Every structure is written in C-alpha cells, then in structure tokens.
C-alpha cells in the first residue's frame, strides 16, 4: 500500500507539472501575475503605492515568481521521487542517482513539451532551475530522513521520552 501511494503521489505531481506546462502563454502568464499582485498587495500594507507603481513592481517581480514556482514544484518532485525510489533501491547512492535522473529528465521533457504550446517556449535555463529544485528536494528528503532515524535511535535507547 505504501508503494502504491508513493507512486500515485509522483504521478499526480507529474500530471500537475504537465497541466501547468500545457497552459497557453497568456494563461500561464496570468497565473504568475495574479500571484505577483497578491505579493504586491501584501507588501503595500500601508497603501503607499499608486496603481502605476504597483503595476511596475508586478512587472518586475513576475519573472522571479515564475522561476520560484519552477524551483518549488520541482523541489517537491525531488522529495516525492526520493520517497518512491528508496522503496525499490537499497543503496543511497543509487537512490540519489535514480531520483535525480528521473527528475532532470522530466524537466527536460517538460521544456520540450512547451515548445509545441502556443505562446510558450522551452528554455534550458528552466531545465537548470528545475534540476536545482529536484536536487534540493532530494537533499531535504535525505536530511529529514536522517533526523528521523536519529530521533528513532534515541527513542529506542530511552534518551527521548
């Protein structure tokens, strides 16, 4: 059951990435502009910015929001991939290699897919950002896994109650 749930979460993650990438350029841009607008409204707590200033800030931060979304979604993927791969492979080195390979390959395929979507483009820089996200997610997974193992050992030794 654990394997099935882990595999399903990776499939859901992949479908989500595909869905975002399948959006036409205007729709995709609209999503990141909405997020940028929310951020600007949070920053402008005292309502000091006029509409022109807000639009300028939105235009400036929107590309960074898009890149942060790429990174974050793929970091989640790194965690999910490691969770699945560790259920099938015992050696940590092979887990890391397999998870990162699958994640980076998916990032490349995702950017190739965007080449056929109107208003979208596939960018090598996005593959690099996505790859950094995958690797970060893998590192976060490994760190959390090690912390959990240390805590379990201390509980077994009676050091933690």
N, C-alpha and C. Protein backbone atom coordinates (compact mmCIF):
# COMPACT_ATOMS: atom_id res chain seq x y z
N UNK A 1 0.82 -1.19 0.00
CA UNK A 1 0.00 0.00 0.00
C UNK A 1 0.87 1.26 0.00
N UNK A 2 1.95 1.23 0.78
CA UNK A 2 2.86 2.38 0.86
C UNK A 2 3.48 2.68 -0.50
N UNK A 3 3.87 1.63 -1.22
CA UNK A 3 4.45 1.82 -2.55
C UNK A 3 3.43 2.43 -3.50
N UNK A 4 2.22 1.93 -3.45
CA UNK A 4 1.18 2.43 -4.36
C UNK A 4 0.90 3.91 -4.10
N UNK A 5 0.77 4.29 -2.84
CA UNK A 5 0.51 5.69 -2.51
C UNK A 5 1.68 6.56 -2.95
N UNK A 6 2.90 6.11 -2.73
CA UNK A 6 4.08 6.87 -3.12
C UNK A 6 4.14 7.05 -4.64
N UNK A 7 3.84 6.01 -5.37
CA UNK A 7 3.84 6.09 -6.84
C UNK A 7 2.73 7.02 -7.31
N UNK A 8 1.56 6.93 -6.70
CA UNK A 8 0.44 7.79 -7.09
C UNK A 8 0.77 9.26 -6.85
N UNK A 9 1.46 9.57 -5.75
CA UNK A 9 1.81 10.98 -5.49
C UNK A 9 2.76 11.51 -6.56
N UNK A 10 3.69 10.67 -7.02
CA UNK A 10 4.60 11.10 -8.10
C UNK A 10 3.82 11.31 -9.39
N UNK A 11 2.89 10.42 -9.67
CA UNK A 11 2.07 10.56 -10.89
C UNK A 11 1.24 11.85 -10.82
N UNK A 12 0.66 12.14 -9.67
CA UNK A 12 -0.11 13.38 -9.50
C UNK A 12 0.79 14.59 -9.71
N UNK A 13 2.00 14.55 -9.15
CA UNK A 13 2.97 15.64 -9.34
C UNK A 13 3.29 15.82 -10.82
N UNK A 14 3.54 14.72 -11.52
CA UNK A 14 3.85 14.81 -12.95
C UNK A 14 2.68 15.35 -13.75
N UNK A 15 1.49 14.93 -13.43
CA UNK A 15 0.30 15.43 -14.12
C UNK A 15 0.13 16.92 -13.86
N UNK A 16 0.38 17.34 -12.62
CA UNK A 16 0.28 18.77 -12.29
C UNK A 16 1.27 19.59 -13.10
N UNK A 17 2.51 19.14 -13.17
CA UNK A 17 3.53 19.84 -13.97
C UNK A 17 3.08 19.89 -15.43
N UNK A 18 2.61 18.77 -15.95
CA UNK A 18 2.15 18.72 -17.34
C UNK A 18 1.01 19.71 -17.57
N UNK A 19 0.08 19.78 -16.61
CA UNK A 19 -1.06 20.69 -16.74
C UNK A 19 -0.61 22.14 -16.78
N UNK A 20 0.31 22.51 -15.90
CA UNK A 20 0.84 23.88 -15.91
C UNK A 20 1.53 24.16 -17.25
N UNK A 21 2.31 23.22 -17.73
CA UNK A 21 3.05 23.40 -18.97
C UNK A 21 2.14 23.40 -20.18
N UNK A 22 0.99 22.81 -20.05
CA UNK A 22 0.05 22.72 -21.16
C UNK A 22 -0.77 24.00 -21.33
N UNK A 23 -0.67 24.91 -20.35
CA UNK A 23 -1.37 26.19 -20.46
C UNK A 23 -0.73 27.03 -21.55
N UNK A 24 -1.56 27.70 -22.33
CA UNK A 24 -1.01 28.61 -23.33
C UNK A 24 -0.33 29.78 -22.63
N UNK A 25 0.52 30.48 -23.37
CA UNK A 25 1.35 31.54 -22.81
C UNK A 25 0.57 32.56 -21.99
N UNK A 26 -0.55 33.06 -22.53
CA UNK A 26 -1.32 34.08 -21.83
C UNK A 26 -1.88 33.56 -20.51
N UNK A 27 -2.38 32.35 -20.52
CA UNK A 27 -2.96 31.76 -19.32
C UNK A 27 -1.89 31.55 -18.25
N UNK A 28 -0.73 31.04 -18.65
CA UNK A 28 0.37 30.81 -17.73
C UNK A 28 0.86 32.12 -17.13
N UNK A 29 1.00 33.13 -17.97
CA UNK A 29 1.44 34.44 -17.52
C UNK A 29 0.43 35.05 -16.56
N UNK A 30 -0.84 34.84 -16.84
CA UNK A 30 -1.90 35.37 -15.98
C UNK A 30 -1.80 34.80 -14.57
N UNK A 31 -1.49 33.52 -14.46
CA UNK A 31 -1.36 32.88 -13.16
C UNK A 31 -0.24 33.52 -12.35
N UNK A 32 0.93 33.69 -12.95
CA UNK A 32 2.06 34.26 -12.21
C UNK A 32 1.83 35.74 -11.91
N UNK A 33 1.09 36.44 -12.77
CA UNK A 33 0.77 37.85 -12.49
C UNK A 33 -0.18 37.96 -11.31
N UNK A 34 -1.13 37.02 -11.20
CA UNK A 34 -2.05 37.03 -10.05
C UNK A 34 -1.27 36.84 -8.75
N UNK A 35 -0.33 35.91 -8.74
CA UNK A 35 0.49 35.69 -7.56
C UNK A 35 1.32 36.93 -7.25
N UNK A 36 1.89 37.54 -8.28
CA UNK A 36 2.69 38.75 -8.10
C UNK A 36 1.84 39.87 -7.52
N UNK A 37 0.60 39.99 -7.99
CA UNK A 37 -0.30 41.02 -7.49
C UNK A 37 -0.61 40.80 -6.01
N UNK A 38 -0.83 39.57 -5.63
CA UNK A 38 -1.08 39.25 -4.22
C UNK A 38 0.11 39.66 -3.37
N UNK A 39 1.30 39.35 -3.84
CA UNK A 39 2.52 39.70 -3.10
C UNK A 39 2.64 41.21 -2.96
N UNK A 40 2.40 41.94 -4.05
CA UNK A 40 2.49 43.41 -4.00
C UNK A 40 1.46 43.96 -3.02
N UNK A 41 0.25 43.42 -3.03
CA UNK A 41 -0.77 43.90 -2.09
C UNK A 41 -0.39 43.61 -0.64
N UNK A 42 0.29 42.50 -0.40
CA UNK A 42 0.76 42.19 0.96
C UNK A 42 1.86 43.17 1.37
N UNK A 43 2.78 43.43 0.44
CA UNK A 43 3.88 44.36 0.72
C UNK A 43 3.36 45.78 0.97
N UNK A 44 2.33 46.17 0.24
CA UNK A 44 1.79 47.53 0.34
C UNK A 44 0.73 47.61 1.44
N UNK A 45 1.11 47.22 2.64
CA UNK A 45 0.18 47.20 3.78
C UNK A 45 -0.37 48.59 4.07
N UNK A 46 0.47 49.59 3.96
CA UNK A 46 0.07 50.96 4.29
C UNK A 46 -0.57 51.69 3.11
N UNK A 47 -0.75 50.98 2.01
CA UNK A 47 -1.36 51.54 0.80
C UNK A 47 -0.63 52.79 0.31
N UNK A 48 0.69 52.67 0.24
CA UNK A 48 1.53 53.79 -0.19
C UNK A 48 1.72 53.85 -1.70
N UNK A 49 1.45 52.74 -2.40
CA UNK A 49 1.72 52.70 -3.84
C UNK A 49 0.47 53.03 -4.63
N UNK A 50 0.63 53.86 -5.68
CA UNK A 50 -0.48 54.09 -6.60
C UNK A 50 -0.53 52.91 -7.57
N UNK A 51 -1.55 52.87 -8.39
CA UNK A 51 -1.74 51.73 -9.30
C UNK A 51 -0.57 51.57 -10.28
N UNK A 52 -0.03 52.69 -10.75
CA UNK A 52 1.10 52.64 -11.69
C UNK A 52 2.33 52.01 -11.03
N UNK A 53 2.60 52.38 -9.78
CA UNK A 53 3.74 51.83 -9.05
C UNK A 53 3.53 50.33 -8.81
N UNK A 54 2.31 49.94 -8.46
CA UNK A 54 2.00 48.53 -8.25
C UNK A 54 2.26 47.73 -9.53
N UNK A 55 1.78 48.24 -10.65
CA UNK A 55 1.96 47.54 -11.93
C UNK A 55 3.45 47.41 -12.28
N UNK A 56 4.22 48.44 -11.96
CA UNK A 56 5.66 48.39 -12.22
C UNK A 56 6.32 47.30 -11.37
N UNK A 57 5.95 47.24 -10.11
CA UNK A 57 6.51 46.21 -9.21
C UNK A 57 6.10 44.83 -9.67
N UNK A 58 4.83 44.68 -10.05
CA UNK A 58 4.33 43.39 -10.54
C UNK A 58 5.14 42.95 -11.76
N UNK A 59 5.36 43.87 -12.69
CA UNK A 59 6.14 43.55 -13.89
C UNK A 59 7.56 43.14 -13.55
N UNK A 60 8.12 43.77 -12.51
CA UNK A 60 9.50 43.48 -12.12
C UNK A 60 9.64 42.12 -11.42
N UNK A 61 8.66 41.77 -10.59
CA UNK A 61 8.81 40.54 -9.81
C UNK A 61 8.24 39.30 -10.50
N UNK A 62 7.36 39.50 -11.47
CA UNK A 62 6.69 38.37 -12.12
C UNK A 62 7.65 37.32 -12.69
N UNK A 63 8.74 37.70 -13.37
CA UNK A 63 9.66 36.67 -13.85
C UNK A 63 10.29 35.85 -12.72
N UNK A 64 10.55 36.50 -11.60
CA UNK A 64 11.13 35.80 -10.45
C UNK A 64 10.12 34.85 -9.81
N UNK A 65 8.86 35.27 -9.80
CA UNK A 65 7.80 34.40 -9.28
C UNK A 65 7.69 33.14 -10.13
N UNK A 66 7.79 33.31 -11.44
CA UNK A 66 7.73 32.15 -12.36
C UNK A 66 8.88 31.19 -12.08
N UNK A 67 10.08 31.73 -11.91
CA UNK A 67 11.26 30.88 -11.67
C UNK A 67 11.16 30.20 -10.31
N UNK A 68 10.66 30.95 -9.31
CA UNK A 68 10.49 30.37 -7.99
C UNK A 68 9.45 29.24 -8.02
N UNK A 69 8.42 29.41 -8.84
CA UNK A 69 7.42 28.35 -8.99
C UNK A 69 8.05 27.11 -9.61
N UNK A 70 8.86 27.30 -10.65
CA UNK A 70 9.58 26.17 -11.26
C UNK A 70 10.39 25.44 -10.19
N UNK A 71 11.21 26.19 -9.49
CA UNK A 71 12.10 25.61 -8.47
C UNK A 71 11.29 24.87 -7.41
N UNK A 72 10.25 25.51 -6.89
CA UNK A 72 9.46 24.93 -5.80
C UNK A 72 8.74 23.66 -6.22
N UNK A 73 8.12 23.69 -7.40
CA UNK A 73 7.39 22.50 -7.86
C UNK A 73 8.35 21.32 -8.07
N UNK A 74 9.53 21.60 -8.57
CA UNK A 74 10.48 20.51 -8.78
C UNK A 74 11.16 20.08 -7.48
N UNK A 75 11.27 20.97 -6.50
CA UNK A 75 11.78 20.56 -5.18
C UNK A 75 10.81 19.57 -4.56
N UNK A 76 9.52 19.84 -4.69
CA UNK A 76 8.51 18.89 -4.22
C UNK A 76 8.68 17.56 -4.96
N UNK A 77 8.92 17.64 -6.26
CA UNK A 77 9.15 16.43 -7.05
C UNK A 77 10.36 15.65 -6.57
N UNK A 78 11.42 16.35 -6.19
CA UNK A 78 12.62 15.68 -5.66
C UNK A 78 12.30 14.87 -4.42
N UNK A 79 11.51 15.46 -3.52
CA UNK A 79 11.10 14.75 -2.29
C UNK A 79 10.26 13.53 -2.66
N UNK A 80 9.29 13.72 -3.54
CA UNK A 80 8.39 12.61 -3.91
C UNK A 80 9.14 11.49 -4.64
N UNK A 81 10.05 11.87 -5.52
CA UNK A 81 10.83 10.85 -6.25
C UNK A 81 11.72 10.05 -5.30
N UNK A 82 12.39 10.74 -4.38
CA UNK A 82 13.23 10.02 -3.41
C UNK A 82 12.39 9.06 -2.57
N UNK A 83 11.20 9.52 -2.19
CA UNK A 83 10.32 8.68 -1.39
C UNK A 83 9.96 7.39 -2.12
N UNK A 84 9.74 7.48 -3.42
CA UNK A 84 9.40 6.28 -4.21
C UNK A 84 10.63 5.42 -4.43
N UNK A 85 11.69 6.04 -4.89
CA UNK A 85 12.88 5.28 -5.27
C UNK A 85 13.48 4.52 -4.09
N UNK A 86 13.43 5.10 -2.90
CA UNK A 86 14.01 4.42 -1.74
C UNK A 86 13.26 3.14 -1.39
N UNK A 87 12.01 3.04 -1.84
CA UNK A 87 11.23 1.82 -1.59
C UNK A 87 11.67 0.67 -2.49
N UNK A 88 12.42 0.99 -3.55
CA UNK A 88 12.83 -0.02 -4.51
C UNK A 88 14.34 -0.27 -4.53
N UNK A 89 15.12 0.71 -4.12
CA UNK A 89 16.58 0.58 -4.14
C UNK A 89 17.14 0.74 -2.74
N UNK A 90 18.10 -0.11 -2.40
CA UNK A 90 18.66 -0.08 -1.05
C UNK A 90 19.81 0.91 -0.90
N UNK A 91 20.67 0.98 -1.91
CA UNK A 91 21.86 1.82 -1.79
C UNK A 91 21.51 3.29 -1.98
N UNK A 92 21.93 4.12 -1.02
CA UNK A 92 21.62 5.55 -1.05
C UNK A 92 22.14 6.23 -2.32
N UNK A 93 23.33 5.85 -2.76
CA UNK A 93 23.89 6.46 -3.97
C UNK A 93 23.00 6.20 -5.19
N UNK A 94 22.47 4.99 -5.28
CA UNK A 94 21.59 4.66 -6.41
C UNK A 94 20.24 5.37 -6.28
N UNK A 95 19.77 5.55 -5.05
CA UNK A 95 18.54 6.30 -4.83
C UNK A 95 18.69 7.73 -5.33
N UNK A 96 19.79 8.37 -4.97
CA UNK A 96 20.06 9.75 -5.37
C UNK A 96 20.21 9.83 -6.89
N UNK A 97 20.99 8.94 -7.45
CA UNK A 97 21.22 8.95 -8.90
C UNK A 97 19.92 8.72 -9.67
N UNK A 98 19.14 7.76 -9.24
CA UNK A 98 17.89 7.44 -9.94
C UNK A 98 16.88 8.57 -9.80
N UNK A 99 16.69 9.09 -8.60
CA UNK A 99 15.74 10.17 -8.37
C UNK A 99 16.12 11.42 -9.16
N UNK A 100 17.39 11.78 -9.10
CA UNK A 100 17.83 12.99 -9.81
C UNK A 100 17.74 12.79 -11.33
N UNK A 101 18.07 11.61 -11.80
CA UNK A 101 17.98 11.34 -13.25
C UNK A 101 16.55 11.43 -13.75
N UNK A 102 15.62 10.81 -13.03
CA UNK A 102 14.21 10.85 -13.42
C UNK A 102 13.71 12.30 -13.39
N UNK A 103 14.04 13.02 -12.33
CA UNK A 103 13.57 14.40 -12.18
C UNK A 103 14.12 15.33 -13.25
N UNK A 104 15.41 15.22 -13.53
CA UNK A 104 16.04 16.07 -14.54
C UNK A 104 15.53 15.72 -15.93
N UNK A 105 15.36 14.43 -16.19
CA UNK A 105 14.81 14.01 -17.48
C UNK A 105 13.38 14.55 -17.65
N UNK A 106 12.60 14.49 -16.59
CA UNK A 106 11.23 15.02 -16.67
C UNK A 106 11.24 16.53 -16.91
N UNK A 107 12.17 17.24 -16.28
CA UNK A 107 12.29 18.69 -16.51
C UNK A 107 12.60 18.98 -17.98
N UNK A 108 13.51 18.20 -18.55
CA UNK A 108 13.87 18.40 -19.97
C UNK A 108 12.69 18.09 -20.87
N UNK A 109 11.99 17.00 -20.60
CA UNK A 109 10.82 16.63 -21.40
C UNK A 109 9.74 17.70 -21.27
N UNK A 110 9.57 18.24 -20.08
CA UNK A 110 8.58 19.29 -19.84
C UNK A 110 8.89 20.52 -20.70
N UNK A 111 10.15 20.91 -20.76
CA UNK A 111 10.51 22.09 -21.58
C UNK A 111 10.35 21.81 -23.07
N UNK A 112 10.64 20.59 -23.49
CA UNK A 112 10.42 20.21 -24.89
C UNK A 112 8.92 20.27 -25.20
N UNK A 113 8.11 19.77 -24.27
CA UNK A 113 6.65 19.81 -24.43
C UNK A 113 6.17 21.25 -24.63
N UNK A 114 6.76 22.20 -23.90
CA UNK A 114 6.32 23.60 -24.00
C UNK A 114 6.61 24.21 -25.38
N UNK A 115 7.52 23.61 -26.13
CA UNK A 115 7.83 24.13 -27.47
C UNK A 115 6.63 24.04 -28.42
N UNK A 116 5.70 23.13 -28.15
CA UNK A 116 4.54 22.97 -29.03
C UNK A 116 3.29 23.65 -28.50
N UNK A 117 3.42 24.37 -27.38
CA UNK A 117 2.28 25.07 -26.80
C UNK A 117 2.31 26.53 -27.24
N UNK A 118 1.21 27.03 -27.83
CA UNK A 118 1.19 28.43 -28.29
C UNK A 118 1.53 29.42 -27.18
N UNK A 119 2.45 30.33 -27.48
CA UNK A 119 2.84 31.36 -26.53
C UNK A 119 3.84 30.90 -25.49
N UNK A 120 4.30 29.66 -25.58
CA UNK A 120 5.26 29.13 -24.61
C UNK A 120 6.57 28.84 -25.33
N UNK A 121 7.61 28.69 -24.53
CA UNK A 121 8.91 28.32 -25.10
C UNK A 121 9.63 27.41 -24.12
N UNK A 122 10.43 26.52 -24.64
CA UNK A 122 11.24 25.65 -23.81
C UNK A 122 12.60 26.32 -23.60
N UNK A 123 13.01 26.41 -22.36
CA UNK A 123 14.26 27.11 -22.05
C UNK A 123 15.19 26.21 -21.26
N UNK A 124 16.45 26.22 -21.67
CA UNK A 124 17.46 25.45 -20.95
C UNK A 124 17.64 25.99 -19.53
N UNK A 125 17.46 27.31 -19.37
CA UNK A 125 17.58 27.87 -18.01
C UNK A 125 16.50 27.31 -17.09
N UNK A 126 15.30 27.07 -17.64
CA UNK A 126 14.25 26.46 -16.82
C UNK A 126 14.59 25.02 -16.45
N UNK A 127 15.22 24.30 -17.37
CA UNK A 127 15.67 22.94 -17.04
C UNK A 127 16.69 22.99 -15.90
N UNK A 128 17.58 23.96 -15.94
CA UNK A 128 18.59 24.10 -14.88
C UNK A 128 17.93 24.46 -13.55
N UNK A 129 16.97 25.40 -13.57
CA UNK A 129 16.26 25.77 -12.34
C UNK A 129 15.48 24.58 -11.80
N UNK A 130 14.80 23.87 -12.69
CA UNK A 130 14.04 22.68 -12.28
C UNK A 130 14.98 21.62 -11.69
N UNK A 131 16.14 21.46 -12.30
CA UNK A 131 17.12 20.48 -11.82
C UNK A 131 17.62 20.85 -10.43
N UNK A 132 17.87 22.14 -10.21
CA UNK A 132 18.26 22.59 -8.87
C UNK A 132 17.15 22.31 -7.86
N UNK A 133 15.91 22.49 -8.30
CA UNK A 133 14.78 22.16 -7.43
C UNK A 133 14.75 20.68 -7.09
N UNK A 134 14.93 19.83 -8.09
CA UNK A 134 14.96 18.38 -7.85
C UNK A 134 16.05 18.03 -6.84
N UNK A 135 17.25 18.54 -7.08
CA UNK A 135 18.39 18.23 -6.19
C UNK A 135 18.16 18.77 -4.79
N UNK A 136 17.55 19.94 -4.67
CA UNK A 136 17.24 20.49 -3.35
C UNK A 136 16.22 19.62 -2.64
N UNK A 137 15.18 19.19 -3.35
CA UNK A 137 14.18 18.30 -2.76
C UNK A 137 14.78 17.00 -2.28
N UNK A 138 15.72 16.46 -3.07
CA UNK A 138 16.40 15.22 -2.67
C UNK A 138 17.21 15.45 -1.40
N UNK A 139 17.92 16.58 -1.34
CA UNK A 139 18.71 16.88 -0.14
C UNK A 139 17.81 17.08 1.09
N UNK A 140 16.70 17.77 0.91
CA UNK A 140 15.76 17.97 2.02
C UNK A 140 15.23 16.62 2.50
N UNK A 141 14.88 15.75 1.56
CA UNK A 141 14.38 14.42 1.92
C UNK A 141 15.43 13.66 2.73
N UNK A 142 16.67 13.68 2.24
CA UNK A 142 17.73 12.95 2.93
C UNK A 142 17.99 13.50 4.33
N UNK A 143 17.98 14.82 4.45
CA UNK A 143 18.18 15.46 5.75
C UNK A 143 17.07 15.07 6.72
N UNK A 144 15.84 15.17 6.27
CA UNK A 144 14.71 14.79 7.12
C UNK A 144 14.76 13.32 7.49
N UNK A 145 15.13 12.47 6.55
CA UNK A 145 15.24 11.04 6.80
C UNK A 145 16.30 10.75 7.87
N UNK A 146 17.43 11.44 7.78
CA UNK A 146 18.50 11.25 8.78
C UNK A 146 18.05 11.73 10.16
N UNK A 147 17.36 12.86 10.22
CA UNK A 147 16.88 13.38 11.51
C UNK A 147 15.88 12.40 12.13
N UNK A 148 14.97 11.86 11.32
CA UNK A 148 14.00 10.89 11.82
C UNK A 148 14.71 9.65 12.35
N UNK A 149 15.73 9.17 11.64
CA UNK A 149 16.49 7.99 12.09
C UNK A 149 17.19 8.26 13.42
N UNK A 150 17.78 9.43 13.57
CA UNK A 150 18.46 9.80 14.83
C UNK A 150 17.45 9.84 15.98
N UNK A 151 16.30 10.43 15.74
CA UNK A 151 15.27 10.52 16.78
C UNK A 151 14.78 9.12 17.15
N UNK A 152 14.56 8.25 16.16
CA UNK A 152 14.12 6.88 16.44
C UNK A 152 15.15 6.13 17.27
N UNK A 153 16.43 6.31 16.93
CA UNK A 153 17.50 5.66 17.70
C UNK A 153 17.51 6.13 19.14
N UNK A 154 17.33 7.43 19.35
CA UNK A 154 17.33 7.98 20.71
C UNK A 154 16.12 7.48 21.49
N UNK A 155 14.99 7.34 20.82
CA UNK A 155 13.80 6.82 21.48
C UNK A 155 14.03 5.37 21.89
N UNK A 156 14.63 4.56 20.99
CA UNK A 156 14.91 3.16 21.29
C UNK A 156 15.89 3.02 22.45
N UNK A 157 16.84 3.93 22.55
CA UNK A 157 17.83 3.90 23.64
C UNK A 157 17.26 4.48 24.93
N UNK A 158 16.06 5.06 24.84
CA UNK A 158 15.44 5.63 26.04
C UNK A 158 15.94 7.03 26.35
N UNK A 159 16.63 7.66 25.41
CA UNK A 159 17.15 9.01 25.63
C UNK A 159 16.08 10.06 25.45
N UNK A 160 15.02 9.74 24.71
CA UNK A 160 13.92 10.66 24.48
C UNK A 160 12.64 9.97 24.89
N UNK A 161 11.81 10.70 25.62
CA UNK A 161 10.54 10.10 26.08
C UNK A 161 9.38 10.79 25.46
